Amino acid sequence: MRPVAALIAATVILPSLPLAACAPAERPSPRPIFSTTDEGYLSPGVVARLAQAAMPAPAEGSAQDAADRAASARFTALEDTDRWLMATAHAELRPPLALQHFDCALGVRLGSAETPTLDRMTAKVFHDAQAAVVLAQAQAQAQAQAQARGRRARPVAEDPARRACQTLTPAMRRSPSAPSAGAALGTAYAEALALIAPDRAAAVRRIGHEIGVSRQICAMDYPSDGLAGEALGRAVVVEIAATPDFQAEIAAARDELAAARATGRTNPGCAAERAALAVPLP
């Protein structure tokens, strides 16, 4: 385990909320938070290499840029639907709270049993994925400045009247959207959980993808930002999975999941999640 804390930047996110409890109105923005651990699995050199390889945002005025903007505008049709409420809940990305998004996919109620190893592993995954995103965004900004062009703004920055799933500070509204941090973190969690619970791999990967989609529904990212974030999140976990530290913890994490399943408790929000996932995307 090697620290890469110097690469971590604050991320404004919502407190954890059950899906059924999410209201469509914007909620007060909490204080910024940092990674829940100052150590990850990866060295700064590996994180820098992954960030350097991140997919760039499409050029302004390109066909992909136009398609992104059109898709983002269509997402306004989902405001106040079940899928919008799910997107509001998905704004919570901190471990271990963010693990509740995977309860239904895993068939457990995380929190029904002690899961210190799983919590520690996902905190380190969060650290590495967030570090890679922050560095990739910084590199994209530097490149944009060198080419005398502006960096890609979020949909909520392009259209200040656009509703978001959380109350935004001016700094958050102006922050870069590519690659998507939400998509990177959702995918990284999902890929790590797929290794820990391979029998639930398809289900957890779907939720990881939906977390990235939620950020698009919330007008925080464009679709291509999400694709770039997902690719970065997968690349981070490929590197993490090869580390001895991660391999040494898998067995204990599996035992913790088995203990959680043995309680027989499941998340009462699973029916609401199924309804939200059944809402067609525009």
C-alpha atoms as a PDB file:
ATOM      1  CA  MET A   1       0.000   0.000   0.000  1.00  0.00           C
ATOM      2  CA  ARG A   2       1.501   3.314  -1.041  1.00  0.00           C
ATOM      3  CA  PRO A   3       0.158   6.805  -0.365  1.00  0.00           C
ATOM      4  CA  VAL A   4      -0.984   8.983  -3.262  1.00  0.00           C
ATOM      5  CA  ALA A   5      -2.773  11.543  -1.092  1.00  0.00           C
ATOM      6  CA  ALA A   6      -1.126  14.443  -2.901  1.00  0.00           C
ATOM      7  CA  LEU A   7      -3.250  13.642  -5.943  1.00  0.00           C
ATOM      8  CA  ILE A   8      -6.609  13.739  -4.142  1.00  0.00           C
ATOM      9  CA  ALA A   9      -8.903  16.751  -4.539  1.00  0.00           C
ATOM     10  CA  ALA A  10     -12.108  17.527  -2.650  1.00  0.00           C
ATOM     11  CA  THR A  11     -15.351  16.175  -4.096  1.00  0.00           C
ATOM     12  CA  VAL A  12     -18.765  17.567  -3.142  1.00  0.00           C
ATOM     13  CA  ILE A  13     -21.350  14.814  -2.796  1.00  0.00           C
ATOM     14  CA  LEU A  14     -24.634  14.175  -1.071  1.00  0.00           C
ATOM     15  CA  PRO A  15     -25.149  12.316   2.169  1.00  0.00           C
ATOM     16  CA  SER A  16     -26.331   8.746   1.747  1.00  0.00           C
ATOM     17  CA  LEU A  17     -30.095   8.421   1.260  1.00  0.00           C
ATOM     18  CA  PRO A  18     -32.375   5.448   0.727  1.00  0.00           C
ATOM     19  CA  LEU A  19     -33.920   5.577  -2.743  1.00  0.00           C
ATOM     20  CA  ALA A  20     -37.463   5.857  -1.423  1.00  0.00           C
ATOM     21  CA  ALA A  21     -36.500   8.795   0.777  1.00  0.00           C
ATOM     22  CA  CYS A  22     -35.029  10.945  -1.964  1.00  0.00           C
ATOM     23  CA  ALA A  23     -36.978  14.097  -2.690  1.00  0.00           C
ATOM     24  CA  PRO A  24     -36.766  15.819  -6.058  1.00  0.00           C
ATOM     25  CA  ALA A  25     -35.926  19.179  -4.576  1.00  0.00           C
ATOM     26  CA  GLU A  26     -32.284  20.171  -4.383  1.00  0.00           C
ATOM     27  CA  ARG A  27     -30.698  19.448  -1.034  1.00  0.00           C
ATOM     28  CA  PRO A  28     -28.193  21.455   0.995  1.00  0.00           C
ATOM     29  CA  SER A  29     -24.652  20.828  -0.173  1.00  0.00           C
ATOM     30  CA  PRO A  30     -22.442  19.195   2.463  1.00  0.00           C
ATOM     31  CA  ARG A  31     -18.892  20.214   3.160  1.00  0.00           C
ATOM     32  CA  PRO A  32     -16.284  18.938   0.689  1.00  0.00           C
ATOM     33  CA  ILE A  33     -14.695  15.624   1.584  1.00  0.00           C
ATOM     34  CA  PHE A  34     -11.446  13.918   0.780  1.00  0.00           C
ATOM     35  CA  SER A  35     -10.707  10.263   0.309  1.00  0.00           C
ATOM     36  CA  THR A  36     -11.603   8.214   3.386  1.00  0.00           C
ATOM     37  CA  THR A  37      -8.049   6.900   3.473  1.00  0.00           C
ATOM     38  CA  ASP A  38      -4.737   8.504   2.597  1.00  0.00           C
ATOM     39  CA  GLU A  39      -3.444   5.249   1.139  1.00  0.00           C
ATOM     40  CA  GLY A  40      -4.447   3.237  -1.882  1.00  0.00           C
ATOM     41  CA  TYR A  41      -3.176   0.116  -3.556  1.00  0.00           C
ATOM     42  CA  LEU A  42      -1.339   1.885  -6.370  1.00  0.00           C
ATOM     43  CA  SER A  43       1.857   3.886  -6.527  1.00  0.00           C
ATOM     44  CA  PRO A  44       1.810   7.484  -7.785  1.00  0.00           C
ATOM     45  CA  GLY A  45       3.617   6.349 -10.922  1.00  0.00           C
ATOM     46  CA  VAL A  46       0.908   3.837 -11.825  1.00  0.00           C
ATOM     47  CA  VAL A  47      -1.841   6.380 -11.122  1.00  0.00           C
ATOM     48  CA  ALA A  48      -0.073   8.930 -13.333  1.00  0.00           C
ATOM     49  CA  ARG A  49       0.226   6.401 -16.171  1.00  0.00           C
ATOM     50  CA  LEU A  50      -3.474   5.559 -15.970  1.00  0.00           C
ATOM     51  CA  ALA A  51      -4.443   9.234 -15.921  1.00  0.00           C
ATOM     52  CA  GLN A  52      -2.243   9.954 -18.922  1.00  0.00           C
ATOM     53  CA  ALA A  53      -4.086   7.274 -20.913  1.00  0.00           C
ATOM     54  CA  ALA A  54      -7.564   8.589 -20.061  1.00  0.00           C
ATOM     55  CA  MET A  55      -9.898   9.241 -22.990  1.00  0.00           C
ATOM     56  CA  PRO A  56      -9.984  12.949 -23.915  1.00  0.00           C
ATOM     57  CA  ALA A  57     -13.215  14.914 -24.150  1.00  0.00           C
ATOM     58  CA  PRO A  58     -14.523  15.381 -27.693  1.00  0.00           C
ATOM     59  CA  ALA A  59     -13.583  18.592 -29.437  1.00  0.00           C
ATOM     60  CA  GLU A  60     -16.081  21.402 -29.136  1.00  0.00           C
ATOM     61  CA  GLY A  61     -18.325  21.465 -32.181  1.00  0.00           C
ATOM     62  CA  SER A  62     -17.511  17.879 -33.172  1.00  0.00           C
ATOM     63  CA  ALA A  63     -20.183  15.331 -34.002  1.00  0.00           C
ATOM     64  CA  GLN A  64     -19.615  13.603 -30.659  1.00  0.00           C
ATOM     65  CA  ASP A  65     -19.908  16.896 -28.790  1.00  0.00           C
ATOM     66  CA  ALA A  66     -23.212  17.615 -30.531  1.00  0.00           C
ATOM     67  CA  ALA A  67     -24.501  14.126 -29.761  1.00  0.00           C
ATOM     68  CA  ASP A  68     -23.524  14.560 -26.099  1.00  0.00           C
ATOM     69  CA  ARG A  69     -25.403  17.835 -25.810  1.00  0.00           C
ATOM     70  CA  ALA A  70     -28.492  16.405 -27.462  1.00  0.00           C
ATOM     71  CA  ALA A  71     -28.460  13.375 -25.164  1.00  0.00           C
ATOM     72  CA  SER A  72     -28.005  15.568 -22.109  1.00  0.00           C
ATOM     73  CA  ALA A  73     -30.988  17.709 -23.092  1.00  0.00           C
ATOM     74  CA  ARG A  74     -33.152  14.587 -23.401  1.00  0.00           C
ATOM     75  CA  PHE A  75     -32.341  13.586 -19.830  1.00  0.00           C
ATOM     76  CA  THR A  76     -34.475  16.490 -18.554  1.00  0.00           C
ATOM     77  CA  ALA A  77     -37.492  14.268 -19.322  1.00  0.00           C
ATOM     78  CA  LEU A  78     -36.491  12.079 -16.356  1.00  0.00           C
ATOM     79  CA  GLU A  79     -36.724  14.829 -13.741  1.00  0.00           C
ATOM     80  CA  ASP A  80     -38.898  13.739 -10.782  1.00  0.00           C
ATOM     81  CA  THR A  81     -39.241  10.165 -12.064  1.00  0.00           C
ATOM     82  CA  ASP A  82     -38.113   7.107 -10.115  1.00  0.00           C
ATOM     83  CA  ARG A  83     -34.885   7.169 -12.115  1.00  0.00           C
ATOM     84  CA  TRP A  84     -34.280  10.783 -11.057  1.00  0.00           C
ATOM     85  CA  LEU A  85     -34.655   9.776  -7.409  1.00  0.00           C
ATOM     86  CA  MET A  86     -32.162   6.977  -7.925  1.00  0.00           C
ATOM     87  CA  ALA A  87     -29.757   9.463  -9.493  1.00  0.00           C
ATOM     88  CA  THR A  88     -30.119  11.672  -6.428  1.00  0.00           C
ATOM     89  CA  ALA A  89     -29.222   8.745  -4.163  1.00  0.00           C
ATOM     90  CA  HIS A  90     -26.279   7.792  -6.403  1.00  0.00           C
ATOM     91  CA  ALA A  91     -24.664  11.169  -5.686  1.00  0.00           C
ATOM     92  CA  GLU A  92     -23.282   9.551  -2.520  1.00  0.00           C
ATOM     93  CA  LEU A  93     -19.954   8.104  -3.608  1.00  0.00           C
ATOM     94  CA  ARG A  94     -18.022   7.802  -0.359  1.00  0.00           C
ATOM     95  CA  PRO A  95     -17.198   4.380   1.016  1.00  0.00           C
ATOM     96  CA  PRO A  96     -18.545   2.588   2.900  1.00  0.00           C
ATOM     97  CA  LEU A  97     -21.831   4.478   2.382  1.00  0.00           C
ATOM     98  CA  ALA A  98     -21.689   4.084  -1.390  1.00  0.00           C
ATOM     99  CA  LEU A  99     -21.696   0.300  -0.993  1.00  0.00           C
ATOM    100  CA  GLN A 100     -25.431   0.451  -0.244  1.00  0.00           C
ATOM    101  CA  HIS A 101     -25.969   1.034  -3.964  1.00  0.00           C
ATOM    102  CA  PHE A 102     -24.820  -2.559  -4.502  1.00  0.00           C
ATOM    103  CA  ASP A 103     -26.991  -4.173  -1.801  1.00  0.00           C
ATOM    104  CA  CYS A 104     -29.596  -5.487  -4.224  1.00  0.00           C
ATOM    105  CA  ALA A 105     -27.019  -6.642  -6.762  1.00  0.00           C
ATOM    106  CA  LEU A 106     -25.175  -8.534  -4.036  1.00  0.00           C
ATOM    107  CA  GLY A 107     -28.321  -9.866  -2.368  1.00  0.00           C
ATOM    108  CA  VAL A 108     -27.348  -8.505   1.038  1.00  0.00           C
ATOM    109  CA  ARG A 109     -28.010  -5.638   3.408  1.00  0.00           C
ATOM    110  CA  LEU A 110     -24.520  -4.262   3.948  1.00  0.00           C
ATOM    111  CA  GLY A 111     -24.414  -2.980   7.491  1.00  0.00           C
ATOM    112  CA  SER A 112     -26.220  -6.093   8.780  1.00  0.00           C
ATOM    113  CA  ALA A 113     -22.811  -7.581   9.607  1.00  0.00           C
ATOM    114  CA  GLU A 114     -19.337  -6.213  10.284  1.00  0.00           C
ATOM    115  CA  THR A 115     -17.367  -5.759   7.062  1.00  0.00           C
ATOM    116  CA  PRO A 116     -14.083  -4.067   8.026  1.00  0.00           C
ATOM    117  CA  THR A 117     -12.053  -5.706   5.257  1.00  0.00           C
ATOM    118  CA  LEU A 118     -14.601  -4.871   2.560  1.00  0.00           C
ATOM    119  CA  ASP A 119     -14.854  -1.308   3.848  1.00  0.00           C
ATOM    120  CA  ARG A 120     -11.086  -0.927   3.866  1.00  0.00           C
ATOM    121  CA  MET A 121     -10.718  -2.374   0.370  1.00  0.00           C
ATOM    122  CA  THR A 122     -13.344  -0.107  -1.148  1.00  0.00           C
ATOM    123  CA  ALA A 123     -11.848   2.915   0.600  1.00  0.00           C
ATOM    124  CA  LYS A 124      -8.539   2.169  -1.081  1.00  0.00           C
ATOM    125  CA  VAL A 125     -10.252   1.623  -4.440  1.00  0.00           C
ATOM    126  CA  PHE A 126     -11.978   4.998  -3.966  1.00  0.00           C
ATOM    127  CA  HIS A 127      -8.639   6.608  -3.207  1.00  0.00           C
ATOM    128  CA  ASP A 128      -6.910   5.279  -6.323  1.00  0.00           C
ATOM    129  CA  ALA A 129      -9.820   5.894  -8.705  1.00  0.00           C
ATOM    130  CA  GLN A 130     -10.368   9.427  -7.418  1.00  0.00           C
ATOM    131  CA  ALA A 131      -6.645  10.176  -7.640  1.00  0.00           C
ATOM    132  CA  ALA A 132      -6.573   9.025 -11.268  1.00  0.00           C
ATOM    133  CA  VAL A 133      -9.624  11.151 -12.142  1.00  0.00           C
ATOM    134  CA  VAL A 134      -8.235  14.266 -10.480  1.00  0.00           C
ATOM    135  CA  LEU A 135      -4.930  13.913 -12.283  1.00  0.00           C
ATOM    136  CA  ALA A 136      -6.613  13.191 -15.628  1.00  0.00           C
ATOM    137  CA  GLN A 137      -8.822  16.261 -15.248  1.00  0.00           C
ATOM    138  CA  ALA A 138      -5.824  18.408 -14.329  1.00  0.00           C
ATOM    139  CA  GLN A 139      -3.924  17.169 -17.368  1.00  0.00           C
ATOM    140  CA  ALA A 140      -6.907  17.897 -19.617  1.00  0.00           C
ATOM    141  CA  GLN A 141      -7.141  21.413 -18.215  1.00  0.00           C
ATOM    142  CA  ALA A 142      -3.437  22.036 -18.763  1.00  0.00           C
ATOM    143  CA  GLN A 143      -3.710  20.806 -22.344  1.00  0.00           C
ATOM    144  CA  ALA A 144      -6.697  23.043 -22.993  1.00  0.00           C
ATOM    145  CA  GLN A 145      -4.804  26.053 -21.660  1.00  0.00           C
ATOM    146  CA  ALA A 146      -1.772  25.203 -23.789  1.00  0.00           C
ATOM    147  CA  GLN A 147      -3.997  25.106 -26.870  1.00  0.00           C
ATOM    148  CA  ALA A 148      -5.718  28.370 -25.871  1.00  0.00           C
ATOM    149  CA  ARG A 149      -9.143  26.789 -25.620  1.00  0.00           C
ATOM    150  CA  GLY A 150     -11.551  26.356 -22.756  1.00  0.00           C
ATOM    151  CA  ARG A 151     -12.001  23.082 -20.919  1.00  0.00           C
ATOM    152  CA  ARG A 152     -15.269  21.225 -21.258  1.00  0.00           C
ATOM    153  CA  ALA A 153     -17.915  22.560 -18.886  1.00  0.00           C
ATOM    154  CA  ARG A 154     -20.584  20.503 -17.163  1.00  0.00           C
ATOM    155  CA  PRO A 155     -24.162  20.616 -18.475  1.00  0.00           C
ATOM    156  CA  VAL A 156     -25.186  22.533 -15.335  1.00  0.00           C
ATOM    157  CA  ALA A 157     -22.514  25.112 -16.103  1.00  0.00           C
ATOM    158  CA  GLU A 158     -23.558  25.442 -19.741  1.00  0.00           C
ATOM    159  CA  ASP A 159     -27.180  25.930 -18.641  1.00  0.00           C
ATOM    160  CA  PRO A 160     -27.417  27.498 -15.158  1.00  0.00           C
ATOM    161  CA  ALA A 161     -31.181  26.910 -15.169  1.00  0.00           C
ATOM    162  CA  ARG A 162     -30.694  23.161 -15.517  1.00  0.00           C
ATOM    163  CA  ARG A 163     -31.727  21.200 -12.422  1.00  0.00           C
ATOM    164  CA  ALA A 164     -29.139  19.115 -10.630  1.00  0.00           C
ATOM    165  CA  CYS A 165     -29.648  16.351  -8.081  1.00  0.00           C
ATOM    166  CA  GLN A 166     -27.867  18.346  -5.392  1.00  0.00           C
ATOM    167  CA  THR A 167     -27.247  21.932  -4.437  1.00  0.00           C
ATOM    168  CA  LEU A 168     -24.034  23.030  -6.130  1.00  0.00           C
ATOM    169  CA  THR A 169     -21.453  25.540  -5.032  1.00  0.00           C
ATOM    170  CA  PRO A 170     -20.130  27.832  -7.775  1.00  0.00           C
ATOM    171  CA  ALA A 171     -16.844  25.903  -7.705  1.00  0.00           C
ATOM    172  CA  MET A 172     -18.580  22.566  -8.192  1.00  0.00           C
ATOM    173  CA  ARG A 173     -20.666  23.960 -11.042  1.00  0.00           C
ATOM    174  CA  ARG A 174     -17.483  25.134 -12.758  1.00  0.00           C
ATOM    175  CA  SER A 175     -15.478  21.946 -12.117  1.00  0.00           C
ATOM    176  CA  PRO A 176     -14.481  19.745 -15.082  1.00  0.00           C
ATOM    177  CA  SER A 177     -16.691  16.875 -16.143  1.00  0.00           C
ATOM    178  CA  ALA A 178     -14.273  14.751 -18.167  1.00  0.00           C
ATOM    179  CA  PRO A 179     -13.507  12.068 -17.316  1.00  0.00           C
ATOM    180  CA  SER A 180     -16.533  11.550 -15.094  1.00  0.00           C
ATOM    181  CA  ALA A 181     -15.578  10.959 -11.475  1.00  0.00           C
ATOM    182  CA  GLY A 182     -18.953   9.369 -10.740  1.00  0.00           C
ATOM    183  CA  ALA A 183     -18.599   6.893 -13.611  1.00  0.00           C
ATOM    184  CA  ALA A 184     -15.008   6.100 -12.650  1.00  0.00           C
ATOM    185  CA  LEU A 185     -15.872   5.477  -9.006  1.00  0.00           C
ATOM    186  CA  GLY A 186     -19.041   3.498  -9.752  1.00  0.00           C
ATOM    187  CA  THR A 187     -17.154   1.316 -12.222  1.00  0.00           C
ATOM    188  CA  ALA A 188     -14.168   0.867  -9.915  1.00  0.00           C
ATOM    189  CA  TYR A 189     -16.411  -0.244  -7.045  1.00  0.00           C
ATOM    190  CA  ALA A 190     -18.246  -2.616  -9.375  1.00  0.00           C
ATOM    191  CA  GLU A 191     -15.092  -4.151 -10.797  1.00  0.00           C
ATOM    192  CA  ALA A 192     -13.659  -4.697  -7.327  1.00  0.00           C
ATOM    193  CA  LEU A 193     -16.915  -6.239  -6.098  1.00  0.00           C
ATOM    194  CA  ALA A 194     -17.060  -8.450  -9.192  1.00  0.00           C
ATOM    195  CA  LEU A 195     -13.702  -9.901  -8.158  1.00  0.00           C
ATOM    196  CA  ILE A 196     -14.857 -10.387  -4.580  1.00  0.00           C
ATOM    197  CA  ALA A 197     -18.277 -11.793  -5.532  1.00  0.00           C
ATOM    198  CA  PRO A 198     -17.852 -13.277  -9.043  1.00  0.00           C
ATOM    199  CA  ASP A 199     -21.269 -14.942  -8.849  1.00  0.00           C
ATOM    200  CA  ARG A 200     -22.803 -11.434  -8.806  1.00  0.00           C
ATOM    201  CA  ALA A 201     -20.427  -9.861 -11.313  1.00  0.00           C
ATOM    202  CA  ALA A 202     -23.008  -8.970 -13.972  1.00  0.00           C
ATOM    203  CA  ALA A 203     -25.393  -7.440 -11.438  1.00  0.00           C
ATOM    204  CA  VAL A 204     -22.782  -5.280  -9.707  1.00  0.00           C
ATOM    205  CA  ARG A 205     -21.352  -4.131 -13.027  1.00  0.00           C
ATOM    206  CA  ARG A 206     -24.788  -2.980 -14.104  1.00  0.00           C
ATOM    207  CA  ILE A 207     -25.095  -0.841 -10.983  1.00  0.00           C
ATOM    208  CA  GLY A 208     -21.606   0.556 -11.491  1.00  0.00           C
ATOM    209  CA  HIS A 209     -22.654   1.639 -14.980  1.00  0.00           C
ATOM    210  CA  GLU A 210     -25.946   3.085 -13.710  1.00  0.00           C
ATOM    211  CA  ILE A 211     -24.071   5.252 -11.195  1.00  0.00           C
ATOM    212  CA  GLY A 212     -22.308   6.887 -14.141  1.00  0.00           C
ATOM    213  CA  VAL A 213     -25.615   7.281 -15.997  1.00  0.00           C
ATOM    214  CA  SER A 214     -27.039   8.927 -12.889  1.00  0.00           C
ATOM    215  CA  ARG A 215     -24.447  11.680 -13.111  1.00  0.00           C
ATOM    216  CA  GLN A 216     -25.613  12.359 -16.665  1.00  0.00           C
ATOM    217  CA  ILE A 217     -29.244  12.446 -15.542  1.00  0.00           C
ATOM    218  CA  CYS A 218     -28.167  14.906 -12.845  1.00  0.00           C
ATOM    219  CA  ALA A 219     -26.666  17.180 -15.559  1.00  0.00           C
ATOM    220  CA  MET A 220     -23.207  16.776 -14.057  1.00  0.00           C
ATOM    221  CA  ASP A 221     -21.624  14.918 -16.999  1.00  0.00           C
ATOM    222  CA  TYR A 222     -22.101  14.206 -20.691  1.00  0.00           C
ATOM    223  CA  PRO A 223     -22.311  10.633 -22.045  1.00  0.00           C
ATOM    224  CA  SER A 224     -18.772  10.617 -23.439  1.00  0.00           C
ATOM    225  CA  ASP A 225     -17.514  11.832 -20.032  1.00  0.00           C
ATOM    226  CA  GLY A 226     -19.167   8.747 -18.563  1.00  0.00           C
ATOM    227  CA  LEU A 227     -17.528   6.438 -21.096  1.00  0.00           C
ATOM    228  CA  ALA A 228     -14.129   7.937 -20.296  1.00  0.00           C
ATOM    229  CA  GLY A 229     -14.760   7.561 -16.571  1.00  0.00           C
ATOM    230  CA  GLU A 230     -15.836   3.940 -16.933  1.00  0.00           C
ATOM    231  CA  ALA A 231     -12.724   3.110 -18.953  1.00  0.00           C
ATOM    232  CA  LEU A 232     -10.527   4.766 -16.341  1.00  0.00           C
ATOM    233  CA  GLY A 233     -12.289   2.996 -13.463  1.00  0.00           C
ATOM    234  CA  ARG A 234     -11.813  -0.387 -15.146  1.00  0.00           C
ATOM    235  CA  ALA A 235      -8.142   0.327 -15.823  1.00  0.00           C
ATOM    236  CA  VAL A 236      -7.583   1.304 -12.190  1.00  0.00           C
ATOM    237  CA  VAL A 237      -9.020  -1.967 -10.903  1.00  0.00           C
ATOM    238  CA  VAL A 238      -7.038  -4.052 -13.404  1.00  0.00           C
ATOM    239  CA  GLU A 239      -3.925  -2.610 -11.795  1.00  0.00           C
ATOM    240  CA  ILE A 240      -5.318  -2.964  -8.267  1.00  0.00           C
ATOM    241  CA  ALA A 241      -6.242  -6.610  -8.806  1.00  0.00           C
ATOM    242  CA  ALA A 242      -2.625  -7.434  -9.602  1.00  0.00           C
ATOM    243  CA  THR A 243      -1.333  -6.095  -6.291  1.00  0.00           C
ATOM    244  CA  PRO A 244      -0.435  -8.549  -3.512  1.00  0.00           C
ATOM    245  CA  ASP A 245      -2.297  -6.390  -0.976  1.00  0.00           C
ATOM    246  CA  PHE A 246      -5.612  -6.721  -2.824  1.00  0.00           C
ATOM    247  CA  GLN A 247      -5.174 -10.445  -3.381  1.00  0.00           C
ATOM    248  CA  ALA A 248      -4.383 -10.954   0.297  1.00  0.00           C
ATOM    249  CA  GLU A 249      -7.693  -9.367   1.350  1.00  0.00           C
ATOM    250  CA  ILE A 250     -10.140 -11.075  -1.027  1.00  0.00           C
ATOM    251  CA  ALA A 251     -10.772 -14.154   1.116  1.00  0.00           C
ATOM    252  CA  ALA A 252     -11.630 -12.101   4.216  1.00  0.00           C
ATOM    253  CA  ALA A 253     -13.945  -9.838   2.185  1.00  0.00           C
ATOM    254  CA  ARG A 254     -15.762 -12.884   0.814  1.00  0.00           C
ATOM    255  CA  ASP A 255     -16.209 -14.231   4.342  1.00  0.00           C
ATOM    256  CA  GLU A 256     -17.703 -10.895   5.399  1.00  0.00           C
ATOM    257  CA  LEU A 257     -20.178 -10.945   2.504  1.00  0.00           C
ATOM    258  CA  ALA A 258     -21.144 -14.506   3.392  1.00  0.00           C
ATOM    259  CA  ALA A 259     -21.763 -13.422   6.998  1.00  0.00           C
ATOM    260  CA  ALA A 260     -23.932 -10.535   5.779  1.00  0.00           C
ATOM    261  CA  ARG A 261     -25.955 -12.921   3.596  1.00  0.00           C
ATOM    262  CA  ALA A 262     -26.337 -15.323   6.530  1.00  0.00           C
ATOM    263  CA  THR A 263     -28.290 -12.687   8.463  1.00  0.00           C
ATOM    264  CA  GLY A 264     -31.054 -13.026   5.868  1.00  0.00           C
ATOM    265  CA  ARG A 265     -31.457  -9.265   5.678  1.00  0.00           C
ATOM    266  CA  THR A 266     -31.935  -7.536   2.350  1.00  0.00           C
ATOM    267  CA  ASN A 267     -32.387  -3.920   1.391  1.00  0.00           C
ATOM    268  CA  PRO A 268     -36.060  -2.870   1.524  1.00  0.00           C
ATOM    269  CA  GLY A 269     -35.352  -0.427  -1.300  1.00  0.00           C
ATOM    270  CA  CYS A 270     -34.777  -3.192  -3.876  1.00  0.00           C
ATOM    271  CA  ALA A 271     -38.317  -2.952  -5.245  1.00  0.00           C
ATOM    272  CA  ALA A 272     -37.835   0.794  -5.742  1.00  0.00           C
ATOM    273  CA  GLU A 273     -34.503   0.134  -7.428  1.00  0.00           C
ATOM    274  CA  ARG A 274     -36.102  -2.313  -9.860  1.00  0.00           C
ATOM    275  CA  ALA A 275     -38.780   0.249 -10.693  1.00  0.00           C
ATOM    276  CA  ALA A 276     -36.184   2.951 -11.278  1.00  0.00           C
ATOM    277  CA  LEU A 277     -34.047   0.748 -13.512  1.00  0.00           C
ATOM    278  CA  ALA A 278     -37.134  -0.112 -15.557  1.00  0.00           C
ATOM    279  CA  VAL A 279     -37.640   3.552 -16.542  1.00  0.00           C
ATOM    280  CA  PRO A 280     -36.556   3.863 -20.212  1.00  0.00           C
ATOM    281  CA  LEU A 281     -33.783   6.322 -20.907  1.00  0.00           C
ATOM    282  CA  PRO A 282     -34.784   9.037 -23.406  1.00  0.00           C
END
